[in-house]
C-alpha atoms as a PDB file:
ATOM      1  CA  UNK A   1      13.855 146.293 134.693  1.00  0.00           C
ATOM      2  CA  UNK A   2      17.625 146.758 134.525  1.00  0.00           C
ATOM      3  CA  UNK A   3      18.327 146.279 138.252  1.00  0.00           C
ATOM      4  CA  UNK A   4      16.574 142.922 138.013  1.00  0.00           C
ATOM      5  CA  UNK A   5      18.814 141.908 135.110  1.00  0.00           C
ATOM      6  CA  UNK A   6      21.878 143.039 137.090  1.00  0.00           C
ATOM      7  CA  UNK A   7      20.830 140.926 140.083  1.00  0.00           C
ATOM      8  CA  UNK A   8      20.332 137.881 137.855  1.00  0.00           C
ATOM      9  CA  UNK A   9      23.817 138.265 136.373  1.00  0.00           C
ATOM     10  CA  UNK A  10      25.322 138.741 139.839  1.00  0.00           C
ATOM     11  CA  UNK A  11      23.903 135.473 141.166  1.00  0.00           C
ATOM     12  CA  UNK A  12      25.263 133.427 138.235  1.00  0.00           C
ATOM     13  CA  UNK A  13      28.580 131.815 139.309  1.00  0.00           C
ATOM     14  CA  UNK A  14      31.721 133.161 137.593  1.00  0.00           C
ATOM     15  CA  UNK A  15      32.692 129.774 136.066  1.00  0.00           C
ATOM     16  CA  UNK A  16      29.286 129.557 134.374  1.00  0.00           C
ATOM     17  CA  UNK A  17      29.656 133.074 132.932  1.00  0.00           C
ATOM     18  CA  UNK A  18      33.210 132.228 131.832  1.00  0.00           C
ATOM     19  CA  UNK A  19      32.010 129.108 130.047  1.00  0.00           C
ATOM     20  CA  UNK A  20      29.256 131.060 128.345  1.00  0.00           C
ATOM     21  CA  UNK A  21      31.756 133.706 127.204  1.00  0.00           C
ATOM     22  CA  UNK A  22      34.106 131.052 125.805  1.00  0.00           C
ATOM     23  CA  UNK A  23      31.205 129.591 123.848  1.00  0.00           C
ATOM     24  CA  UNK A  24      30.132 133.048 122.675  1.00  0.00           C
ATOM     25  CA  UNK A  25      33.606 134.003 121.447  1.00  0.00           C
ATOM     26  CA  UNK A  26      33.988 130.632 119.740  1.00  0.00           C
ATOM     27  CA  UNK A  27      30.719 131.139 117.871  1.00  0.00           C
ATOM     28  CA  UNK A  28      31.739 134.661 116.860  1.00  0.00           C
ATOM     29  CA  UNK A  29      35.098 133.373 115.607  1.00  0.00           C
ATOM     30  CA  UNK A  30      33.498 130.549 113.632  1.00  0.00           C
ATOM     31  CA  UNK A  31      30.977 132.930 112.090  1.00  0.00           C
ATOM     32  CA  UNK A  32      33.746 135.338 111.127  1.00  0.00           C
ATOM     33  CA  UNK A  33      35.714 132.533 109.514  1.00  0.00           C
ATOM     34  CA  UNK A  34      32.628 131.433 107.596  1.00  0.00           C
ATOM     35  CA  UNK A  35      32.186 134.976 106.296  1.00  0.00           C
ATOM     36  CA  UNK A  36      35.844 135.182 105.284  1.00  0.00           C
ATOM     37  CA  UNK A  37      35.767 131.842 103.489  1.00  0.00           C
ATOM     38  CA  UNK A  38      32.556 132.409 101.502  1.00  0.00           C
ATOM     39  CA  UNK A  39      34.651 134.097  98.825  1.00  0.00           C
ATOM     40  CA  UNK A  40      37.538 132.260  97.218  1.00  0.00           C
ATOM     41  CA  UNK A  41      40.821 132.856  99.003  1.00  0.00           C
ATOM     42  CA  UNK A  42      43.313 134.728  96.826  1.00  0.00           C
ATOM     43  CA  UNK A  43      46.831 135.965  97.466  1.00  0.00           C
ATOM     44  CA  UNK A  44      45.439 139.448  98.012  1.00  0.00           C
ATOM     45  CA  UNK A  45      42.896 138.342 100.636  1.00  0.00           C
ATOM     46  CA  UNK A  46      45.488 136.202 102.429  1.00  0.00           C
ATOM     47  CA  UNK A  47      47.789 139.211 102.547  1.00  0.00           C
ATOM     48  CA  UNK A  48      45.025 141.438 103.934  1.00  0.00           C
ATOM     49  CA  UNK A  49      44.048 138.879 106.584  1.00  0.00           C
ATOM     50  CA  UNK A  50      47.660 138.207 107.586  1.00  0.00           C
ATOM     51  CA  UNK A  51      48.617 141.864 107.927  1.00  0.00           C
ATOM     52  CA  UNK A  52      45.444 142.682 109.870  1.00  0.00           C
ATOM     53  CA  UNK A  53      45.819 139.804 112.304  1.00  0.00           C
ATOM     54  CA  UNK A  54      49.503 140.625 112.750  1.00  0.00           C
ATOM     55  CA  UNK A  55      48.779 144.260 113.593  1.00  0.00           C
ATOM     56  CA  UNK A  56      45.942 143.256 115.928  1.00  0.00           C
ATOM     57  CA  UNK A  57      48.064 140.713 117.796  1.00  0.00           C
ATOM     58  CA  UNK A  58      50.961 143.167 117.890  1.00  0.00           C
ATOM     59  CA  UNK A  59      48.712 145.820 119.410  1.00  0.00           C
ATOM     60  CA  UNK A  60      47.547 143.302 122.017  1.00  0.00           C
ATOM     61  CA  UNK A  61      51.041 142.238 123.081  1.00  0.00           C
ATOM     62  CA  UNK A  62      52.851 145.569 122.617  1.00  0.00           C
ATOM     63  CA  UNK A  63      50.436 148.270 123.774  1.00  0.00           C
ATOM     64  CA  UNK A  64      53.203 150.897 123.665  1.00  0.00           C
ATOM     65  CA  UNK A  65      53.725 150.556 119.917  1.00  0.00           C
ATOM     66  CA  UNK A  66      51.760 153.791 119.426  1.00  0.00           C
ATOM     67  CA  UNK A  67      54.074 155.859 121.618  1.00  0.00           C
ATOM     68  CA  UNK A  68      55.561 157.838 118.671  1.00  0.00           C
ATOM     69  CA  UNK A  69      52.290 158.346 116.814  1.00  0.00           C
ATOM     70  CA  UNK A  70      50.133 161.474 117.052  1.00  0.00           C
ATOM     71  CA  UNK A  71      47.837 161.437 120.082  1.00  0.00           C
ATOM     72  CA  UNK A  72      44.593 161.064 118.087  1.00  0.00           C
ATOM     73  CA  UNK A  73      46.014 158.122 116.096  1.00  0.00           C
ATOM     74  CA  UNK A  74      47.443 156.465 119.205  1.00  0.00           C
ATOM     75  CA  UNK A  75      44.026 156.642 120.877  1.00  0.00           C
ATOM     76  CA  UNK A  76      42.424 155.135 117.789  1.00  0.00           C
ATOM     77  CA  UNK A  77      44.907 152.261 117.483  1.00  0.00           C
ATOM     78  CA  UNK A  78      45.143 151.468 121.197  1.00  0.00           C
ATOM     79  CA  UNK A  79      42.552 148.688 120.918  1.00  0.00           C
ATOM     80  CA  UNK A  80      43.771 145.526 119.132  1.00  0.00           C
ATOM     81  CA  UNK A  81      40.371 145.123 117.471  1.00  0.00           C
ATOM     82  CA  UNK A  82      40.417 148.679 116.162  1.00  0.00           C
ATOM     83  CA  UNK A  83      44.023 148.372 115.004  1.00  0.00           C
ATOM     84  CA  UNK A  84      43.345 145.125 113.130  1.00  0.00           C
ATOM     85  CA  UNK A  85      40.044 146.308 111.699  1.00  0.00           C
ATOM     86  CA  UNK A  86      41.391 149.620 110.453  1.00  0.00           C
ATOM     87  CA  UNK A  87      44.419 147.844 109.013  1.00  0.00           C
ATOM     88  CA  UNK A  88      42.114 145.488 107.107  1.00  0.00           C
ATOM     89  CA  UNK A  89      40.077 148.397 105.726  1.00  0.00           C
ATOM     90  CA  UNK A  90      43.085 150.415 104.610  1.00  0.00           C
ATOM     91  CA  UNK A  91      44.964 147.406 103.258  1.00  0.00           C
ATOM     92  CA  UNK A  92      41.895 146.464 101.225  1.00  0.00           C
ATOM     93  CA  UNK A  93      41.765 149.983  99.796  1.00  0.00           C
ATOM     94  CA  UNK A  94      45.504 150.226  99.104  1.00  0.00           C
ATOM     95  CA  UNK A  95      46.358 146.818  97.646  1.00  0.00           C
ATOM     96  CA  UNK A  96      45.807 146.667  93.894  1.00  0.00           C
ATOM     97  CA  UNK A  97      43.086 144.374  92.626  1.00  0.00           C
ATOM     98  CA  UNK A  98      45.601 143.093  90.064  1.00  0.00           C
ATOM     99  CA  UNK A  99      46.872 140.650  92.699  1.00  0.00           C
ATOM    100  CA  UNK A 100      43.574 138.777  92.287  1.00  0.00           C
ATOM    101  CA  UNK A 101      43.635 139.004  88.474  1.00  0.00           C
ATOM    102  CA  UNK A 102      47.088 137.380  88.306  1.00  0.00           C
ATOM    103  CA  UNK A 103      45.588 134.186  89.720  1.00  0.00           C
ATOM    104  CA  UNK A 104      42.979 134.037  86.991  1.00  0.00           C
ATOM    105  CA  UNK A 105      40.147 135.452  89.120  1.00  0.00           C
ATOM    106  CA  UNK A 106      39.779 132.418  91.412  1.00  0.00           C
END
């Protein structure tokens, strides 16, 4: 079954696959934004999103930023998606919830 699927994907022209991938990534981005914006945006969530995107973009454009880190951590943070995702998780755990309470719980 899998060789047949491989042949089908090989006969599809590259521009058609590229267009499908652009559409796919656009849908994934829109869905992610919808998930993010279902909860009210607070200063804390803006800070978490901003730091995570910044680290992810930084990892994409400066792949050698992990050169002075331990080998296991450098391997983990080599991918921009992993770097941004792990940053979001740890920032969410580390930032105090009181940042949300100061805004009146919006």
